[in-house]
């Protein structure tokens, strides 16, 4: 089991897709959360009970829920207490479905932040700070202030790199990143 993580704007989603393209089963924690919080999602009743007015027929109203928890550590912990156990159950089911695979990847954006490090190894996706900043600020609705707030909630990239078993540099070309991912897959499958 390889945990894949990286700070905002580092290219983790692109790297996760590269693993999938190589036939590696990838568990996407964010996609799982979106499904659990989407229309008819299993977490809607609990979220609505804890944060009234934040859900509707289309699932969680991300703007309202974000306003209720962003910048409030106590409220964020309440939300995490609802979301994390459900994601853990989905993760275990994924692992059971892919028990025979020589390698699986758990795409967990906040792997270090949430302490979700029950993996055999960790790969951190990283890029130079100026590349990260340019990528994030190019996103619709992103501001330098919001970017700074998000970074403040994340373990610094240098610390993630230091704690990683593998670092995938996305500051280079896509072809170079793709080659690095393929080499890592060969290495990990050979070790398994």
C-alpha atoms as a PDB file:
ATOM      1  CA  UNK A   1       0.000   0.000   0.000  1.00  0.00           C
ATOM      2  CA  UNK A   2       1.430   3.298  -1.096  1.00  0.00           C
ATOM      3  CA  UNK A   3       0.080   6.495   0.412  1.00  0.00           C
ATOM      4  CA  UNK A   4       0.127   9.358  -2.089  1.00  0.00           C
ATOM      5  CA  UNK A   5      -0.006  12.887  -0.772  1.00  0.00           C
ATOM      6  CA  UNK A   6       1.095  16.414  -1.503  1.00  0.00           C
ATOM      7  CA  UNK A   7       0.168  19.967  -0.689  1.00  0.00           C
ATOM      8  CA  UNK A   8      -2.294  21.987  -2.732  1.00  0.00           C
ATOM      9  CA  UNK A   9      -1.149  22.699  -6.282  1.00  0.00           C
ATOM     10  CA  UNK A  10       1.631  20.105  -6.318  1.00  0.00           C
ATOM     11  CA  UNK A  11       0.082  17.935  -9.049  1.00  0.00           C
ATOM     12  CA  UNK A  12      -1.077  15.021  -6.904  1.00  0.00           C
ATOM     13  CA  UNK A  13      -4.241  14.431  -8.945  1.00  0.00           C
ATOM     14  CA  UNK A  14      -2.222  14.222 -12.156  1.00  0.00           C
ATOM     15  CA  UNK A  15       0.194  11.778 -10.527  1.00  0.00           C
ATOM     16  CA  UNK A  16      -2.689   9.656  -9.179  1.00  0.00           C
ATOM     17  CA  UNK A  17      -4.055   9.455 -12.734  1.00  0.00           C
ATOM     18  CA  UNK A  18      -0.622   8.310 -13.929  1.00  0.00           C
ATOM     19  CA  UNK A  19      -0.674   5.452 -11.411  1.00  0.00           C
ATOM     20  CA  UNK A  20      -4.173   4.490 -12.594  1.00  0.00           C
ATOM     21  CA  UNK A  21      -3.035   4.624 -16.231  1.00  0.00           C
ATOM     22  CA  UNK A  22      -0.375   2.051 -15.304  1.00  0.00           C
ATOM     23  CA  UNK A  23      -3.044  -0.302 -13.965  1.00  0.00           C
ATOM     24  CA  UNK A  24      -2.529   0.455 -10.288  1.00  0.00           C
ATOM     25  CA  UNK A  25      -5.782   0.582  -8.295  1.00  0.00           C
ATOM     26  CA  UNK A  26      -6.096   4.079  -6.794  1.00  0.00           C
ATOM     27  CA  UNK A  27      -8.346   4.941  -3.865  1.00  0.00           C
ATOM     28  CA  UNK A  28      -9.201   8.640  -4.129  1.00  0.00           C
ATOM     29  CA  UNK A  29     -10.116   9.963  -0.684  1.00  0.00           C
ATOM     30  CA  UNK A  30     -11.444  13.269  -2.073  1.00  0.00           C
ATOM     31  CA  UNK A  31     -13.684  11.529  -4.623  1.00  0.00           C
ATOM     32  CA  UNK A  32     -14.964   9.276  -1.855  1.00  0.00           C
ATOM     33  CA  UNK A  33     -15.812  12.298   0.301  1.00  0.00           C
ATOM     34  CA  UNK A  34     -17.607  13.928  -2.641  1.00  0.00           C
ATOM     35  CA  UNK A  35     -19.683  10.778  -3.185  1.00  0.00           C
ATOM     36  CA  UNK A  36     -20.537  10.491   0.516  1.00  0.00           C
ATOM     37  CA  UNK A  37     -21.573  14.158   0.552  1.00  0.00           C
ATOM     38  CA  UNK A  38     -23.196  14.285  -2.879  1.00  0.00           C
ATOM     39  CA  UNK A  39     -26.867  13.790  -3.803  1.00  0.00           C
ATOM     40  CA  UNK A  40     -28.237  10.978  -1.642  1.00  0.00           C
ATOM     41  CA  UNK A  41     -24.861  10.637   0.097  1.00  0.00           C
ATOM     42  CA  UNK A  42     -24.679   8.562   3.263  1.00  0.00           C
ATOM     43  CA  UNK A  43     -23.263  11.445   5.320  1.00  0.00           C
ATOM     44  CA  UNK A  44     -25.943  14.026   4.538  1.00  0.00           C
ATOM     45  CA  UNK A  45     -28.141  13.354   7.602  1.00  0.00           C
ATOM     46  CA  UNK A  46     -25.223  13.573  10.048  1.00  0.00           C
ATOM     47  CA  UNK A  47     -23.814  16.696   8.401  1.00  0.00           C
ATOM     48  CA  UNK A  48     -27.210  18.400   8.351  1.00  0.00           C
ATOM     49  CA  UNK A  49     -27.726  17.553  12.036  1.00  0.00           C
ATOM     50  CA  UNK A  50     -24.340  19.014  12.992  1.00  0.00           C
ATOM     51  CA  UNK A  51     -24.445  21.957  10.567  1.00  0.00           C
ATOM     52  CA  UNK A  52     -28.099  22.873   9.864  1.00  0.00           C
ATOM     53  CA  UNK A  53     -28.787  24.410   6.465  1.00  0.00           C
ATOM     54  CA  UNK A  54     -25.652  23.029   4.796  1.00  0.00           C
ATOM     55  CA  UNK A  55     -27.259  20.237   2.762  1.00  0.00           C
ATOM     56  CA  UNK A  56     -29.969  19.944   0.159  1.00  0.00           C
ATOM     57  CA  UNK A  57     -31.141  17.815  -2.770  1.00  0.00           C
ATOM     58  CA  UNK A  58     -27.765  18.288  -4.470  1.00  0.00           C
ATOM     59  CA  UNK A  59     -25.873  17.123  -1.387  1.00  0.00           C
ATOM     60  CA  UNK A  60     -23.637  19.299   0.737  1.00  0.00           C
ATOM     61  CA  UNK A  61     -23.628  22.992  -0.086  1.00  0.00           C
ATOM     62  CA  UNK A  62     -19.844  23.358  -0.013  1.00  0.00           C
ATOM     63  CA  UNK A  63     -19.929  27.129   0.353  1.00  0.00           C
ATOM     64  CA  UNK A  64     -22.217  26.987   3.401  1.00  0.00           C
ATOM     65  CA  UNK A  65     -20.372  24.080   4.991  1.00  0.00           C
ATOM     66  CA  UNK A  66     -17.048  25.763   4.286  1.00  0.00           C
ATOM     67  CA  UNK A  67     -18.272  28.950   5.951  1.00  0.00           C
ATOM     68  CA  UNK A  68     -19.328  26.915   8.992  1.00  0.00           C
ATOM     69  CA  UNK A  69     -15.976  25.159   9.470  1.00  0.00           C
ATOM     70  CA  UNK A  70     -13.241  27.162   7.730  1.00  0.00           C
ATOM     71  CA  UNK A  71     -11.091  28.891  10.299  1.00  0.00           C
ATOM     72  CA  UNK A  72     -12.867  27.176  13.223  1.00  0.00           C
ATOM     73  CA  UNK A  73     -10.775  24.210  14.429  1.00  0.00           C
ATOM     74  CA  UNK A  74     -13.515  22.919  16.772  1.00  0.00           C
ATOM     75  CA  UNK A  75     -16.124  22.845  13.995  1.00  0.00           C
ATOM     76  CA  UNK A  76     -13.616  21.316  11.585  1.00  0.00           C
ATOM     77  CA  UNK A  77     -13.018  18.506  14.119  1.00  0.00           C
ATOM     78  CA  UNK A  78     -16.785  17.895  14.322  1.00  0.00           C
ATOM     79  CA  UNK A  79     -16.936  17.551  10.543  1.00  0.00           C
ATOM     80  CA  UNK A  80     -13.844  15.321  10.487  1.00  0.00           C
ATOM     81  CA  UNK A  81     -15.486  13.120  13.134  1.00  0.00           C
ATOM     82  CA  UNK A  82     -18.347  12.543  10.701  1.00  0.00           C
ATOM     83  CA  UNK A  83     -16.318  12.182   7.510  1.00  0.00           C
ATOM     84  CA  UNK A  84     -13.165  10.293   8.487  1.00  0.00           C
ATOM     85  CA  UNK A  85     -14.806   7.107   9.847  1.00  0.00           C
ATOM     86  CA  UNK A  86     -16.944   6.805   6.707  1.00  0.00           C
ATOM     87  CA  UNK A  87     -13.939   7.300   4.431  1.00  0.00           C
ATOM     88  CA  UNK A  88     -12.061   4.702   6.482  1.00  0.00           C
ATOM     89  CA  UNK A  89     -14.832   2.175   5.884  1.00  0.00           C
ATOM     90  CA  UNK A  90     -14.762   2.880   2.135  1.00  0.00           C
ATOM     91  CA  UNK A  91     -10.972   2.531   2.167  1.00  0.00           C
ATOM     92  CA  UNK A  92     -11.178  -0.876   3.849  1.00  0.00           C
ATOM     93  CA  UNK A  93     -13.750  -2.039   1.290  1.00  0.00           C
ATOM     94  CA  UNK A  94     -11.480  -0.840  -1.545  1.00  0.00           C
ATOM     95  CA  UNK A  95      -8.553  -2.737  -0.062  1.00  0.00           C
ATOM     96  CA  UNK A  96     -10.637  -5.895   0.238  1.00  0.00           C
ATOM     97  CA  UNK A  97     -11.680  -5.599  -3.443  1.00  0.00           C
ATOM     98  CA  UNK A  98      -8.039  -5.222  -4.516  1.00  0.00           C
ATOM     99  CA  UNK A  99      -6.406  -7.608  -2.033  1.00  0.00           C
ATOM    100  CA  UNK A 100      -4.706  -9.543  -4.842  1.00  0.00           C
ATOM    101  CA  UNK A 101      -3.156  -6.461  -6.488  1.00  0.00           C
ATOM    102  CA  UNK A 102       0.641  -6.240  -6.106  1.00  0.00           C
ATOM    103  CA  UNK A 103       0.347  -2.507  -5.478  1.00  0.00           C
ATOM    104  CA  UNK A 104      -2.476  -0.169  -4.500  1.00  0.00           C
ATOM    105  CA  UNK A 105      -2.317   3.584  -4.036  1.00  0.00           C
ATOM    106  CA  UNK A 106      -4.237   5.557  -1.456  1.00  0.00           C
ATOM    107  CA  UNK A 107      -4.562   9.142  -2.715  1.00  0.00           C
ATOM    108  CA  UNK A 108      -4.919  10.981   0.600  1.00  0.00           C
ATOM    109  CA  UNK A 109      -4.365  14.745   0.321  1.00  0.00           C
ATOM    110  CA  UNK A 110      -4.124  15.261   4.093  1.00  0.00           C
ATOM    111  CA  UNK A 111      -2.303  12.020   4.896  1.00  0.00           C
ATOM    112  CA  UNK A 112       0.131  13.611   7.360  1.00  0.00           C
ATOM    113  CA  UNK A 113      -2.344  16.185   8.665  1.00  0.00           C
ATOM    114  CA  UNK A 114      -4.927  13.559   9.639  1.00  0.00           C
ATOM    115  CA  UNK A 115      -2.452  10.956  10.841  1.00  0.00           C
ATOM    116  CA  UNK A 116      -3.814   8.504   8.257  1.00  0.00           C
ATOM    117  CA  UNK A 117      -0.442   6.872   7.765  1.00  0.00           C
ATOM    118  CA  UNK A 118      -1.471   3.180   7.888  1.00  0.00           C
ATOM    119  CA  UNK A 119       0.370   2.508   4.633  1.00  0.00           C
ATOM    120  CA  UNK A 120       3.546   0.617   3.787  1.00  0.00           C
ATOM    121  CA  UNK A 121       5.235   3.634   2.210  1.00  0.00           C
ATOM    122  CA  UNK A 122       4.471   7.273   1.435  1.00  0.00           C
ATOM    123  CA  UNK A 123       5.072   9.112  -1.839  1.00  0.00           C
ATOM    124  CA  UNK A 124       4.939  12.884  -1.699  1.00  0.00           C
ATOM    125  CA  UNK A 125       4.189  14.864  -4.835  1.00  0.00           C
ATOM    126  CA  UNK A 126       6.161  18.082  -4.777  1.00  0.00           C
ATOM    127  CA  UNK A 127       7.112  21.023  -6.968  1.00  0.00           C
ATOM    128  CA  UNK A 128       9.029  24.251  -6.396  1.00  0.00           C
ATOM    129  CA  UNK A 129       7.091  26.836  -4.363  1.00  0.00           C
ATOM    130  CA  UNK A 130       6.798  29.249  -7.295  1.00  0.00           C
ATOM    131  CA  UNK A 131       5.283  26.504  -9.489  1.00  0.00           C
ATOM    132  CA  UNK A 132       2.848  25.567  -6.726  1.00  0.00           C
ATOM    133  CA  UNK A 133       1.808  29.193  -6.211  1.00  0.00           C
ATOM    134  CA  UNK A 134       1.238  29.788  -9.933  1.00  0.00           C
ATOM    135  CA  UNK A 135      -0.870  26.612 -10.245  1.00  0.00           C
ATOM    136  CA  UNK A 136      -3.031  27.417  -7.234  1.00  0.00           C
ATOM    137  CA  UNK A 137      -3.573  31.088  -8.040  1.00  0.00           C
ATOM    138  CA  UNK A 138      -4.689  30.090 -11.561  1.00  0.00           C
ATOM    139  CA  UNK A 139      -7.682  28.251 -10.054  1.00  0.00           C
ATOM    140  CA  UNK A 140     -11.064  29.981 -10.315  1.00  0.00           C
ATOM    141  CA  UNK A 141     -11.953  31.924  -7.170  1.00  0.00           C
ATOM    142  CA  UNK A 142      -8.531  31.467  -5.558  1.00  0.00           C
ATOM    143  CA  UNK A 143      -6.903  34.449  -3.882  1.00  0.00           C
ATOM    144  CA  UNK A 144      -3.466  34.850  -2.308  1.00  0.00           C
ATOM    145  CA  UNK A 145      -5.186  35.121   1.082  1.00  0.00           C
ATOM    146  CA  UNK A 146      -7.170  31.908   0.639  1.00  0.00           C
ATOM    147  CA  UNK A 147      -4.045  30.140  -0.608  1.00  0.00           C
ATOM    148  CA  UNK A 148      -2.157  31.297   2.504  1.00  0.00           C
ATOM    149  CA  UNK A 149      -4.976  30.024   4.748  1.00  0.00           C
ATOM    150  CA  UNK A 150      -4.956  26.620   3.055  1.00  0.00           C
ATOM    151  CA  UNK A 151      -1.168  26.359   3.318  1.00  0.00           C
ATOM    152  CA  UNK A 152      -1.358  27.215   7.022  1.00  0.00           C
ATOM    153  CA  UNK A 153      -3.550  24.136   7.565  1.00  0.00           C
ATOM    154  CA  UNK A 154      -1.166  21.803   5.724  1.00  0.00           C
ATOM    155  CA  UNK A 155       2.098  20.249   6.854  1.00  0.00           C
ATOM    156  CA  UNK A 156       4.842  22.230   5.058  1.00  0.00           C
ATOM    157  CA  UNK A 157       6.129  20.693   1.832  1.00  0.00           C
ATOM    158  CA  UNK A 158       9.696  20.454   3.185  1.00  0.00           C
ATOM    159  CA  UNK A 159       8.460  18.388   6.127  1.00  0.00           C
ATOM    160  CA  UNK A 160       6.381  16.152   3.862  1.00  0.00           C
ATOM    161  CA  UNK A 161       9.411  15.564   1.657  1.00  0.00           C
ATOM    162  CA  UNK A 162      11.534  14.736   4.710  1.00  0.00           C
ATOM    163  CA  UNK A 163       8.955  12.236   5.989  1.00  0.00           C
ATOM    164  CA  UNK A 164       8.357  10.610   2.586  1.00  0.00           C
ATOM    165  CA  UNK A 165       9.733   7.295   1.426  1.00  0.00           C
ATOM    166  CA  UNK A 166       9.529   8.553  -2.170  1.00  0.00           C
ATOM    167  CA  UNK A 167       9.310  12.068  -3.643  1.00  0.00           C
ATOM    168  CA  UNK A 168       7.754  12.610  -7.065  1.00  0.00           C
ATOM    169  CA  UNK A 169       8.868  15.939  -8.524  1.00  0.00           C
ATOM    170  CA  UNK A 170       6.186  17.556 -10.666  1.00  0.00           C
ATOM    171  CA  UNK A 171       8.154  20.712 -11.344  1.00  0.00           C
ATOM    172  CA  UNK A 172       9.539  19.159 -14.514  1.00  0.00           C
ATOM    173  CA  UNK A 173       7.699  18.129 -17.680  1.00  0.00           C
ATOM    174  CA  UNK A 174       4.717  15.776 -17.651  1.00  0.00           C
ATOM    175  CA  UNK A 175       6.812  13.228 -19.542  1.00  0.00           C
ATOM    176  CA  UNK A 176       9.500  13.327 -16.847  1.00  0.00           C
ATOM    177  CA  UNK A 177       6.890  12.976 -14.101  1.00  0.00           C
ATOM    178  CA  UNK A 178       5.241  10.093 -15.970  1.00  0.00           C
ATOM    179  CA  UNK A 179       8.633   8.356 -16.284  1.00  0.00           C
ATOM    180  CA  UNK A 180       9.307   8.831 -12.554  1.00  0.00           C
ATOM    181  CA  UNK A 181       5.911   7.325 -11.675  1.00  0.00           C
ATOM    182  CA  UNK A 182       6.507   4.351 -14.000  1.00  0.00           C
ATOM    183  CA  UNK A 183       9.937   3.746 -12.429  1.00  0.00           C
ATOM    184  CA  UNK A 184       8.408   3.870  -8.944  1.00  0.00           C
ATOM    185  CA  UNK A 185       5.672   1.412  -9.944  1.00  0.00           C
ATOM    186  CA  UNK A 186       8.286  -1.015 -11.305  1.00  0.00           C
ATOM    187  CA  UNK A 187      10.337  -0.644  -8.119  1.00  0.00           C
ATOM    188  CA  UNK A 188       7.380  -1.171  -5.764  1.00  0.00           C
ATOM    189  CA  UNK A 189       5.894  -4.076  -7.703  1.00  0.00           C
ATOM    190  CA  UNK A 190       9.309  -5.726  -7.666  1.00  0.00           C
ATOM    191  CA  UNK A 191       9.538  -5.228  -3.898  1.00  0.00           C
ATOM    192  CA  UNK A 192       6.057  -6.655  -3.287  1.00  0.00           C
END
